Amino acid sequence: MTVSTATTGRPAHIAHESGTLSPPEQGFLWDMEQHFWTSGADDARTTTATNAVMIFPYPLGIIQGDHIWTHLRQRTGWRSVVMVERRVTRCHDIAILTYRGSAEKPDVPIYEALCASTYLNDDDRWLRICHQQTAVK
């Protein structure tokens, strides 16, 4: 079988196009992500799409829509979060933040996780459409 050189390269597909966000846009999204951890469920809800999906370590698992806020009420209230190994990927109106998070709150061991949040720029408003955490400890 012969393959032409035109088909051996990366396909001309929109998902293969990547870009960056300006420093102010990146700062805005990282601030939103920090507030997601530290400002409580009500604040996080205002920056999250209605039918968003979140994936947490067992036993919580995969939750979506209004179920997120039922479960997060007991799990919010982190006093602080440190986000290292930060990366931002953008493809048109989608931005993905990935990082290693270390969060603390009173009377709870420090929680460490590898995290990813996906944001959609919907009419010039960034909304979280997905958040995932993989516990490291």
C-alpha atoms as a PDB file:
ATOM      1  CA  MET A   1       0.000   0.000   0.000  1.00  0.00           C
ATOM      2  CA  THR A   2       1.330   3.438  -0.882  1.00  0.00           C
ATOM      3  CA  VAL A   3       0.670   6.405   1.371  1.00  0.00           C
ATOM      4  CA  SER A   4       0.955   9.875  -0.079  1.00  0.00           C
ATOM      5  CA  THR A   5       3.006  12.461   1.763  1.00  0.00           C
ATOM      6  CA  ALA A   6      -0.081  14.642   1.966  1.00  0.00           C
ATOM      7  CA  THR A   7      -1.745  12.129   4.310  1.00  0.00           C
ATOM      8  CA  THR A   8       1.261  11.210   6.458  1.00  0.00           C
ATOM      9  CA  GLY A   9       1.391  14.514   8.329  1.00  0.00           C
ATOM     10  CA  ARG A  10      -0.900  15.666  11.062  1.00  0.00           C
ATOM     11  CA  PRO A  11      -4.503  16.005   9.833  1.00  0.00           C
ATOM     12  CA  ALA A  12      -5.792  19.501   9.197  1.00  0.00           C
ATOM     13  CA  HIS A  13      -8.272  19.296  12.044  1.00  0.00           C
ATOM     14  CA  ILE A  14      -9.285  22.104  14.378  1.00  0.00           C
ATOM     15  CA  ALA A  15      -8.348  20.021  17.462  1.00  0.00           C
ATOM     16  CA  HIS A  16      -4.718  20.070  16.363  1.00  0.00           C
ATOM     17  CA  GLU A  17      -4.578  23.846  16.476  1.00  0.00           C
ATOM     18  CA  SER A  18      -3.379  25.162  19.778  1.00  0.00           C
ATOM     19  CA  GLY A  19      -2.662  28.571  21.099  1.00  0.00           C
ATOM     20  CA  THR A  20      -1.997  30.473  24.235  1.00  0.00           C
ATOM     21  CA  LEU A  21      -3.863  32.910  26.353  1.00  0.00           C
ATOM     22  CA  SER A  22      -2.565  36.364  27.039  1.00  0.00           C
ATOM     23  CA  PRO A  23      -0.967  36.831  30.478  1.00  0.00           C
ATOM     24  CA  PRO A  24      -4.064  38.735  31.746  1.00  0.00           C
ATOM     25  CA  GLU A  25      -6.375  35.943  30.496  1.00  0.00           C
ATOM     26  CA  GLN A  26      -4.177  33.297  32.131  1.00  0.00           C
ATOM     27  CA  GLY A  27      -4.150  35.269  35.382  1.00  0.00           C
ATOM     28  CA  PHE A  28      -7.932  35.578  35.274  1.00  0.00           C
ATOM     29  CA  LEU A  29      -8.402  31.813  34.814  1.00  0.00           C
ATOM     30  CA  TRP A  30      -5.857  30.917  37.513  1.00  0.00           C
ATOM     31  CA  ASP A  31      -7.666  33.302  39.905  1.00  0.00           C
ATOM     32  CA  MET A  32     -10.968  31.595  39.055  1.00  0.00           C
ATOM     33  CA  GLU A  33      -9.379  28.220  39.728  1.00  0.00           C
ATOM     34  CA  GLN A  34      -8.029  29.328  43.094  1.00  0.00           C
ATOM     35  CA  HIS A  35     -11.427  30.714  44.090  1.00  0.00           C
ATOM     36  CA  PHE A  36     -12.977  27.410  43.034  1.00  0.00           C
ATOM     37  CA  TRP A  37     -11.012  25.815  45.880  1.00  0.00           C
ATOM     38  CA  THR A  38     -11.170  28.542  48.532  1.00  0.00           C
ATOM     39  CA  SER A  39     -14.385  30.532  48.121  1.00  0.00           C
ATOM     40  CA  GLY A  40     -16.997  27.868  48.768  1.00  0.00           C
ATOM     41  CA  ALA A  41     -19.568  26.078  46.637  1.00  0.00           C
ATOM     42  CA  ASP A  42     -21.795  29.104  45.980  1.00  0.00           C
ATOM     43  CA  ASP A  43     -18.936  31.104  44.458  1.00  0.00           C
ATOM     44  CA  ALA A  44     -17.709  28.099  42.458  1.00  0.00           C
ATOM     45  CA  ARG A  45     -21.218  27.603  41.101  1.00  0.00           C
ATOM     46  CA  THR A  46     -21.242  31.087  39.539  1.00  0.00           C
ATOM     47  CA  THR A  47     -18.190  30.229  37.402  1.00  0.00           C
ATOM     48  CA  THR A  48     -19.298  26.720  36.458  1.00  0.00           C
ATOM     49  CA  ALA A  49     -21.558  25.714  33.558  1.00  0.00           C
ATOM     50  CA  THR A  50     -24.973  24.347  34.498  1.00  0.00           C
ATOM     51  CA  ASN A  51     -24.325  20.842  33.200  1.00  0.00           C
ATOM     52  CA  ALA A  52     -20.613  20.651  34.048  1.00  0.00           C
ATOM     53  CA  VAL A  53     -18.933  17.346  34.880  1.00  0.00           C
ATOM     54  CA  MET A  54     -16.573  16.792  37.809  1.00  0.00           C
ATOM     55  CA  ILE A  55     -14.482  13.737  38.542  1.00  0.00           C
ATOM     56  CA  PHE A  56     -13.228  13.185  42.081  1.00  0.00           C
ATOM     57  CA  PRO A  57     -11.393  10.310  43.766  1.00  0.00           C
ATOM     58  CA  TYR A  58     -13.427   7.376  45.040  1.00  0.00           C
ATOM     59  CA  PRO A  59     -15.953   7.236  46.625  1.00  0.00           C
ATOM     60  CA  LEU A  60     -17.384  10.445  45.146  1.00  0.00           C
ATOM     61  CA  GLY A  61     -16.541   9.607  41.527  1.00  0.00           C
ATOM     62  CA  ILE A  62     -18.187  11.277  38.534  1.00  0.00           C
ATOM     63  CA  ILE A  63     -20.884  13.858  39.236  1.00  0.00           C
ATOM     64  CA  GLN A  64     -22.709  16.267  36.960  1.00  0.00           C
ATOM     65  CA  GLY A  65     -25.047  19.246  37.060  1.00  0.00           C
ATOM     66  CA  ASP A  66     -26.831  20.013  40.323  1.00  0.00           C
ATOM     67  CA  HIS A  67     -25.408  16.861  41.967  1.00  0.00           C
ATOM     68  CA  ILE A  68     -22.051  18.662  42.067  1.00  0.00           C
ATOM     69  CA  TRP A  69     -23.277  21.267  44.532  1.00  0.00           C
ATOM     70  CA  THR A  70     -25.008  18.764  46.800  1.00  0.00           C
ATOM     71  CA  HIS A  71     -21.715  16.910  47.244  1.00  0.00           C
ATOM     72  CA  LEU A  72     -19.339  19.885  47.257  1.00  0.00           C
ATOM     73  CA  ARG A  73     -21.054  21.701  50.119  1.00  0.00           C
ATOM     74  CA  GLN A  74     -19.369  19.307  52.566  1.00  0.00           C
ATOM     75  CA  ARG A  75     -16.034  19.353  50.755  1.00  0.00           C
ATOM     76  CA  THR A  76     -15.342  23.055  50.219  1.00  0.00           C
ATOM     77  CA  GLY A  77     -13.832  25.567  52.563  1.00  0.00           C
ATOM     78  CA  TRP A  78     -10.173  24.986  51.814  1.00  0.00           C
ATOM     79  CA  ARG A  79      -8.174  27.651  53.597  1.00  0.00           C
ATOM     80  CA  SER A  80      -5.535  27.733  50.887  1.00  0.00           C
ATOM     81  CA  VAL A  81      -4.406  25.962  47.762  1.00  0.00           C
ATOM     82  CA  VAL A  82      -0.988  25.957  46.120  1.00  0.00           C
ATOM     83  CA  MET A  83      -0.970  25.147  42.414  1.00  0.00           C
ATOM     84  CA  VAL A  84       2.394  24.121  40.936  1.00  0.00           C
ATOM     85  CA  GLU A  85       3.487  22.556  37.639  1.00  0.00           C
ATOM     86  CA  ARG A  86       0.927  24.832  36.001  1.00  0.00           C
ATOM     87  CA  ARG A  87       0.145  24.458  32.337  1.00  0.00           C
ATOM     88  CA  VAL A  88      -2.390  26.169  30.090  1.00  0.00           C
ATOM     89  CA  THR A  89      -3.558  24.786  26.761  1.00  0.00           C
ATOM     90  CA  ARG A  90      -5.949  26.613  24.478  1.00  0.00           C
ATOM     91  CA  CYS A  91      -7.842  25.554  21.385  1.00  0.00           C
ATOM     92  CA  HIS A  92     -10.146  28.317  20.186  1.00  0.00           C
ATOM     93  CA  ASP A  93     -12.812  28.850  22.882  1.00  0.00           C
ATOM     94  CA  ILE A  94     -11.554  26.044  25.148  1.00  0.00           C
ATOM     95  CA  ALA A  95      -8.798  26.447  27.752  1.00  0.00           C
ATOM     96  CA  ILE A  96      -7.461  23.643  29.929  1.00  0.00           C
ATOM     97  CA  LEU A  97      -5.583  24.338  33.151  1.00  0.00           C
ATOM     98  CA  THR A  98      -3.515  21.469  34.533  1.00  0.00           C
ATOM     99  CA  TYR A  99      -1.583  21.531  37.787  1.00  0.00           C
ATOM    100  CA  ARG A 100      -0.553  19.744  40.946  1.00  0.00           C
ATOM    101  CA  GLY A 101      -2.629  21.097  43.817  1.00  0.00           C
ATOM    102  CA  SER A 102      -1.933  21.061  47.517  1.00  0.00           C
ATOM    103  CA  ALA A 103      -4.870  22.241  49.629  1.00  0.00           C
ATOM    104  CA  GLU A 104      -5.320  22.665  53.360  1.00  0.00           C
ATOM    105  CA  LYS A 105      -8.059  23.349  55.849  1.00  0.00           C
ATOM    106  CA  PRO A 106      -8.305  23.054  59.612  1.00  0.00           C
ATOM    107  CA  ASP A 107      -8.242  19.572  61.167  1.00  0.00           C
ATOM    108  CA  VAL A 108      -7.770  17.802  57.814  1.00  0.00           C
ATOM    109  CA  PRO A 109      -4.538  16.374  56.383  1.00  0.00           C
ATOM    110  CA  ILE A 110      -3.135  18.332  53.438  1.00  0.00           C
ATOM    111  CA  TYR A 111      -4.820  17.108  50.266  1.00  0.00           C
ATOM    112  CA  GLU A 112      -2.636  16.675  47.189  1.00  0.00           C
ATOM    113  CA  ALA A 113      -3.971  15.974  43.718  1.00  0.00           C
ATOM    114  CA  LEU A 114      -3.197  16.213  40.037  1.00  0.00           C
ATOM    115  CA  CYS A 115      -5.921  18.434  38.604  1.00  0.00           C
ATOM    116  CA  ALA A 116      -7.362  19.588  35.321  1.00  0.00           C
ATOM    117  CA  SER A 117     -10.087  22.146  34.708  1.00  0.00           C
ATOM    118  CA  THR A 118     -11.565  22.818  31.300  1.00  0.00           C
ATOM    119  CA  TYR A 119     -13.081  26.219  30.609  1.00  0.00           C
ATOM    120  CA  LEU A 120     -15.281  27.373  27.741  1.00  0.00           C
ATOM    121  CA  ASN A 121     -15.288  30.995  26.621  1.00  0.00           C
ATOM    122  CA  ASP A 122     -19.018  31.485  26.096  1.00  0.00           C
ATOM    123  CA  ASP A 123     -19.829  34.977  24.815  1.00  0.00           C
ATOM    124  CA  ASP A 124     -16.711  36.447  26.481  1.00  0.00           C
ATOM    125  CA  ARG A 125     -17.423  34.715  29.792  1.00  0.00           C
ATOM    126  CA  TRP A 126     -15.194  31.838  30.926  1.00  0.00           C
ATOM    127  CA  LEU A 127     -17.154  28.955  32.463  1.00  0.00           C
ATOM    128  CA  ARG A 128     -15.762  25.759  33.940  1.00  0.00           C
ATOM    129  CA  ILE A 129     -17.234  22.807  32.041  1.00  0.00           C
ATOM    130  CA  CYS A 130     -15.143  20.041  33.601  1.00  0.00           C
ATOM    131  CA  HIS A 131     -12.913  19.553  36.633  1.00  0.00           C
ATOM    132  CA  GLN A 132     -10.952  16.423  37.515  1.00  0.00           C
ATOM    133  CA  GLN A 133      -8.805  15.475  40.497  1.00  0.00           C
ATOM    134  CA  THR A 134      -6.539  12.472  40.959  1.00  0.00           C
ATOM    135  CA  ALA A 135      -5.343  12.167  44.546  1.00  0.00           C
ATOM    136  CA  VAL A 136      -1.582  11.756  44.866  1.00  0.00           C
ATOM    137  CA  LYS A 137      -1.432  10.537  48.461  1.00  0.00           C
END
